[in-house]
Protein backbone atom coordinates (compact mmCIF):
# COMPACT_ATOMS: atom_id res chain seq x y z
CA MET A 1 42.23 -1.85 117.94
CA THR A 2 42.34 -4.83 120.19
CA THR A 3 45.21 -6.97 120.90
CA GLU A 4 43.68 -9.95 119.18
CA THR A 5 42.76 -7.81 116.09
CA ILE A 6 46.56 -6.96 115.86
CA ILE A 7 47.76 -10.47 116.20
CA ARG A 8 45.12 -11.47 113.60
CA VAL A 9 46.23 -8.74 111.20
CA LEU A 10 49.95 -9.52 111.69
CA SER A 11 49.35 -13.39 111.28
CA ILE A 12 47.36 -12.94 107.94
CA SER A 13 50.05 -10.59 106.60
CA ALA A 14 52.71 -12.93 107.58
CA LEU A 15 51.16 -16.02 106.26
CA SER A 16 50.13 -14.52 102.88
CA GLY A 17 53.37 -13.03 102.47
CA LEU A 18 55.33 -16.07 103.13
CA LEU A 19 53.13 -18.02 100.73
CA LEU A 20 53.50 -15.45 98.02
CA GLY A 21 57.34 -15.65 98.45
CA VAL A 22 57.06 -19.32 98.04
CA GLY A 23 54.96 -19.10 94.90
CA LEU A 24 57.34 -16.39 93.48
CA ARG A 25 60.45 -18.76 93.82
CA LEU A 26 58.62 -21.82 92.10
CA THR A 27 57.14 -22.95 88.89
CA LEU A 28 54.26 -25.52 88.80
CA THR A 29 56.63 -27.84 86.89
CA GLN A 30 59.47 -27.56 89.58
CA MET A 31 56.72 -28.29 92.30
CA ILE A 32 55.58 -31.45 90.29
CA ASP A 33 59.12 -32.69 89.51
CA SER A 34 60.19 -32.35 93.28
CA LEU A 35 57.19 -34.38 94.40
CA ARG A 36 57.32 -37.19 91.96
CA GLY A 37 60.00 -39.17 93.74
CA CYS A 38 58.72 -38.97 97.35
CA ARG A 39 56.25 -41.02 99.37
CA LEU A 40 53.66 -38.20 99.02
CA ALA A 41 50.47 -40.21 100.12
CA LEU A 42 52.39 -41.46 103.32
CA ILE A 43 53.72 -37.94 104.13
CA VAL A 44 50.14 -36.62 103.97
CA LEU A 45 48.69 -39.39 105.85
CA VAL A 46 51.38 -38.99 108.71
CA ASN A 47 50.94 -35.23 108.72
CA PHE A 48 47.04 -34.89 108.66
CA ALA A 49 46.21 -38.18 110.46
CA LEU A 50 48.85 -39.66 112.50
CA VAL A 51 50.38 -36.56 114.07
CA PRO A 52 47.10 -34.92 115.10
CA THR A 53 45.97 -38.32 116.49
CA LEU A 54 49.06 -38.47 118.35
CA THR A 55 48.60 -35.00 119.62
CA VAL A 56 45.12 -35.74 120.79
CA ALA A 57 46.18 -38.91 122.43
CA ALA A 58 49.04 -37.39 124.26
CA ALA A 59 46.89 -34.53 125.55
CA ARG A 60 44.22 -36.93 126.98
CA ALA A 61 46.70 -39.26 128.41
CA PHE A 62 48.43 -36.51 130.26
CA GLY A 63 45.12 -34.84 131.43
CA LEU A 64 46.25 -31.28 129.92
CA ALA A 65 43.99 -28.37 130.36
CA PRO A 66 41.43 -27.84 127.51
CA GLU A 67 43.18 -24.60 126.21
CA LEU A 68 46.56 -26.00 126.04
CA ALA A 69 45.22 -29.39 124.40
CA ILE A 70 43.42 -27.24 121.81
CA GLY A 71 46.51 -25.11 121.13
CA MET A 72 48.49 -28.40 120.62
CA LEU A 73 45.78 -29.74 118.35
CA LEU A 74 45.75 -26.48 116.01
CA LEU A 75 49.63 -26.95 115.58
CA GLY A 76 49.17 -30.67 114.96
CA ALA A 77 46.63 -29.88 112.32
CA ALA A 78 49.00 -27.20 110.48
CA PRO A 79 52.08 -29.05 109.13
CA PHE A 80 55.17 -27.74 107.12
CA ALA A 81 55.86 -24.42 108.37
CA PRO A 82 57.11 -21.88 105.55
CA VAL A 83 60.43 -21.86 107.34
CA VAL A 84 61.11 -25.43 106.40
CA PRO A 85 63.05 -24.58 103.18
CA VAL A 86 65.26 -22.37 105.37
CA LEU A 87 65.94 -25.04 107.91
CA SER A 88 66.40 -27.51 104.98
CA ARG A 89 69.06 -25.27 103.54
CA MET A 90 70.86 -24.83 106.61
CA ALA A 91 70.83 -28.60 107.19
CA ARG A 92 72.05 -29.23 103.46
CA ALA A 93 68.91 -31.28 102.86
CA ASP A 94 66.79 -31.72 99.71
CA LEU A 95 66.04 -28.20 99.11
CA PRO A 96 63.63 -28.71 95.91
CA LEU A 97 61.70 -31.28 97.90
CA ALA A 98 61.45 -28.87 100.78
CA ALA A 99 60.19 -25.97 98.65
CA GLY A 100 57.66 -28.40 96.82
CA LEU A 101 56.24 -29.90 99.90
CA THR A 102 56.14 -26.38 101.57
CA ALA A 103 54.19 -25.10 98.50
CA LEU A 104 51.88 -28.03 98.41
CA PHE A 105 50.85 -28.42 101.99
CA PRO A 106 49.23 -24.99 102.48
CA LEU A 107 46.98 -25.97 99.63
CA LEU A 108 45.99 -29.09 101.36
CA CYS A 109 45.70 -27.17 104.80
CA ALA A 110 43.14 -24.99 103.23
CA VAL A 111 40.76 -28.12 102.98
CA LEU A 112 42.20 -30.64 105.56
CA THR A 113 43.17 -28.44 108.58
CA PRO A 114 39.56 -27.30 109.31
CA LEU A 115 38.29 -30.95 109.05
CA VAL A 116 41.26 -32.37 111.22
CA CYS A 117 40.63 -29.62 113.80
CA ALA A 118 36.78 -30.31 113.80
CA LEU A 119 37.41 -33.98 114.32
CA GLY A 120 40.16 -33.55 116.86
CA LEU A 121 37.93 -31.12 118.92
CA GLN A 122 35.27 -33.84 119.21
CA ALA A 123 37.93 -36.29 120.60
CA LEU A 124 38.60 -33.72 123.44
CA PRO A 125 35.65 -34.04 125.60
CA SER A 126 37.17 -31.45 128.17
CA ALA A 127 36.94 -28.86 125.47
CA GLY A 128 33.49 -27.90 126.67
CA GLU A 129 31.76 -25.00 124.95
CA LEU A 130 34.65 -24.33 122.58
CA ARG A 131 33.69 -24.88 119.10
CA PHE A 132 35.47 -24.71 115.69
CA ASN A 133 33.63 -23.21 112.93
CA THR A 134 34.91 -25.20 109.84
CA GLY A 135 33.33 -23.11 107.07
CA THR A 136 34.70 -19.76 108.42
CA ILE A 137 38.10 -21.13 108.65
CA LEU A 138 37.97 -22.69 105.28
CA LEU A 139 37.20 -19.41 103.58
CA THR A 140 39.96 -17.69 105.80
CA LEU A 141 42.54 -20.17 104.60
CA LEU A 142 41.70 -20.03 100.92
CA GLY A 143 42.15 -16.23 101.21
CA THR A 144 45.40 -16.27 103.11
CA VAL A 145 47.06 -19.31 101.92
CA THR A 146 45.83 -20.57 98.47
CA LEU A 147 45.37 -17.20 96.86
CA PRO A 148 48.72 -15.73 97.67
CA LEU A 149 50.68 -18.92 96.54
CA ALA A 150 48.63 -19.06 93.26
CA LEU A 151 49.23 -15.39 92.64
CA GLY A 152 52.99 -16.03 93.26
CA LEU A 153 53.15 -18.80 90.83
CA ALA A 154 51.22 -16.71 88.18
CA VAL A 155 53.60 -13.78 88.58
CA ASN A 156 56.54 -16.14 88.28
CA ARG A 157 55.14 -17.60 85.05
CA HIS A 158 53.82 -14.51 83.41
CA TRP A 159 55.54 -11.52 84.66
CA PRO A 160 59.20 -12.86 85.50
CA ARG A 161 60.69 -9.28 85.52
CA VAL A 162 58.25 -8.29 88.14
CA ARG A 163 59.03 -11.42 90.08
CA VAL A 164 62.71 -10.36 89.98
CA ARG A 165 62.02 -6.93 91.32
CA VAL A 166 59.77 -7.87 94.24
CA LEU A 167 60.84 -11.25 95.48
CA ARG A 168 63.42 -10.20 97.98
CA GLY A 169 61.29 -7.41 99.37
CA VAL A 170 58.22 -9.79 99.77
CA GLU A 171 60.24 -12.15 101.60
CA ILE A 172 61.87 -9.66 103.84
CA VAL A 173 58.60 -8.02 104.65
CA ALA A 174 56.91 -11.41 105.34
CA GLU A 175 59.72 -12.75 107.63
CA ALA A 176 59.82 -9.55 109.49
CA THR A 177 56.08 -9.48 109.96
CA GLY A 178 56.10 -13.11 111.00
CA ALA A 179 58.90 -12.46 113.71
CA LEU A 180 56.84 -9.41 114.83
CA SER A 181 53.63 -11.37 114.99
CA LEU A 182 55.27 -13.94 117.22
CA ALA A 183 57.05 -11.42 119.42
CA PHE A 184 53.75 -9.30 119.77
CA ALA A 185 51.76 -12.51 120.51
CA THR A 186 54.48 -13.49 123.24
CA PHE A 187 54.31 -10.36 124.85
CA ALA A 188 50.52 -10.00 125.01
CA GLN A 189 50.02 -13.47 126.14
CA LEU A 190 53.08 -13.62 128.51
CA PRO A 191 51.15 -14.37 131.66
CA ASN A 192 49.33 -17.20 130.05
CA ILE A 193 52.31 -18.54 128.38
CA LEU A 194 54.30 -18.58 131.84
CA ALA A 195 51.15 -20.45 133.15
CA THR A 196 51.62 -23.16 130.65
CA GLY A 197 53.52 -25.27 133.15
CA TRP A 198 56.37 -27.80 132.55
CA ARG A 199 54.06 -30.70 131.86
CA GLY A 200 52.50 -29.16 128.85
CA LEU A 201 55.87 -28.21 127.33
CA LEU A 202 57.03 -31.81 128.29
CA VAL A 203 54.20 -33.27 126.41
CA MET A 204 54.73 -30.99 123.39
CA LEU A 205 58.61 -32.13 123.36
CA LEU A 206 57.27 -35.81 123.33
CA VAL A 207 55.01 -35.17 120.49
CA ASN A 208 57.57 -33.16 118.67
CA GLU A 209 60.20 -36.00 118.92
CA LEU A 210 57.74 -38.68 117.85
CA SER A 211 56.55 -36.51 114.83
CA LEU A 212 60.16 -36.08 113.70
CA ARG A 213 60.67 -39.88 113.75
CA LEU A 214 57.24 -40.29 111.81
CA GLY A 215 58.45 -37.85 109.27
CA TRP A 216 61.95 -39.42 109.04
CA PHE A 217 60.32 -42.86 108.29
CA ALA A 218 57.80 -41.36 105.61
CA GLY A 219 60.72 -39.54 103.94
CA GLY A 220 62.17 -42.58 102.18
CA PRO A 221 65.44 -44.07 102.06
CA ALA A 222 67.46 -40.87 101.15
CA ARG A 223 68.84 -38.97 104.21
CA SER A 224 68.32 -35.62 102.69
CA ALA A 225 64.69 -36.44 101.97
CA ARG A 226 64.22 -37.85 105.46
CA GLN A 227 65.54 -34.56 107.05
CA VAL A 228 63.18 -32.40 104.81
CA VAL A 229 60.11 -34.49 105.79
CA GLY A 230 61.20 -34.79 109.48
CA LEU A 231 61.66 -30.98 109.66
CA GLY A 232 58.29 -30.40 108.08
CA THR A 233 56.40 -32.81 110.18
CA SER A 234 57.94 -31.67 113.44
CA ASN A 235 57.98 -27.92 112.60
CA ARG A 236 54.28 -27.10 112.30
CA ASN A 237 53.11 -23.74 110.93
CA ILE A 238 52.83 -21.40 113.85
CA ALA A 239 51.47 -18.39 111.80
CA LEU A 240 48.61 -20.59 110.63
CA ALA A 241 47.90 -21.99 114.08
CA LEU A 242 47.98 -18.57 115.75
CA LEU A 243 45.53 -17.48 113.06
CA LEU A 244 43.24 -20.16 113.87
CA ALA A 245 43.40 -19.69 117.52
CA ILE A 246 42.69 -16.15 117.29
CA GLN A 247 39.93 -16.41 114.68
CA THR A 248 38.15 -19.21 116.31
CA PHE A 249 38.82 -19.07 120.12
CA PRO A 250 38.93 -15.22 120.80
CA GLY A 251 39.25 -14.27 124.53
CA THR A 252 40.73 -17.69 125.56
CA PRO A 253 44.30 -18.89 126.48
CA VAL A 254 44.31 -20.89 123.37
CA ALA A 255 46.66 -18.44 121.37
CA ALA A 256 49.11 -18.46 124.27
CA ALA A 257 49.34 -22.30 124.21
CA VAL A 258 50.12 -22.02 120.50
CA VAL A 259 52.81 -19.58 121.16
CA ALA A 260 54.44 -21.43 124.04
CA ASN A 261 54.47 -24.63 121.98
CA GLY A 262 55.47 -22.84 118.95
CA LEU A 263 58.61 -21.24 120.57
CA LEU A 264 59.62 -24.70 121.93
CA MET A 265 59.15 -26.08 118.33
CA ILE A 266 61.38 -23.43 116.79
CA LEU A 267 64.19 -24.10 119.46
CA LEU A 268 64.02 -27.89 118.80
CA GLY A 269 64.19 -27.30 115.06
CA LEU A 270 67.26 -25.17 115.28
CA LEU A 271 68.94 -27.65 117.66
CA ARG A 272 68.25 -30.45 115.17
CA VAL A 273 69.75 -28.55 112.35
CA ALA A 274 72.79 -27.76 114.23
CA TYR A 275 73.34 -31.26 115.33
CA TRP A 276 72.92 -32.51 111.62
CA HIS A 277 75.06 -29.81 110.27
CA SER A 278 77.71 -30.76 112.87
CA VAL A 279 77.55 -34.53 111.95
CA GLN A 280 77.88 -33.79 108.36
CA ALA A 281 80.81 -31.61 108.94
CA ARG A 282 82.62 -34.34 110.83
CA LEU A 283 81.80 -36.99 108.24
CA GLY A 284 83.30 -34.63 105.53
CA ALA A 285 86.24 -34.15 107.66
CA VAL A 286 86.88 -37.90 107.89
CA THR A 287 86.40 -38.50 104.24
């Protein structure tokens, strides 16, 4: 079994497990109720139009290598990582909204992510012969994102006792598989990751910060909702982007670019949560 096959299997397993876990925790009514009060159309526009456009513009402006630019594009087209509810809970943000958006966005990704990637690739003239197979990726996402989420929702509704028995186990296995996938990809792609260079990471840092601010604006007036949308907009779905990289661009440094930028993204997300938590703790002490 090749390295890329192992990464593909781990990524599919992690992504499917995480979405199954999200579905097991939610009902359709909870999803709808949590989304009613948010600026959903604006949030979707920001995540599937503005952030990918910003990513492509930054990559072109700084003259990044094609593989690095494509890796950033794949992350830019995959919003709301499954870890967003965890980060939201740590930040004491709007957890129902985080769960609702995290459940909804994979469904949107199944249709919009292939389209965004195809359009974004056309805007990167330096991509050369690299091509994005929209049809294949659409089928892959339907199988690894939409079906597990729908299965989780169905089990939660019709077999609640089964849901209670399997939920924690599913989440533990999925989270462990996701960590293993990222760790294995980091080890396998380490030379290419180290070759990313400071300029590429600096561009990703800039894009990530601007994405946070766009999400903060789209979140509405409530601070807890702004935190959720800001986290979801700046923390992209690494497992999904890594799967796209391996599935569509095998044998290229694109996967390494995804991993390098993804690691930076995780670090920034944790730092932001720690900062927000400390600010809220000081405010609580004052009051």
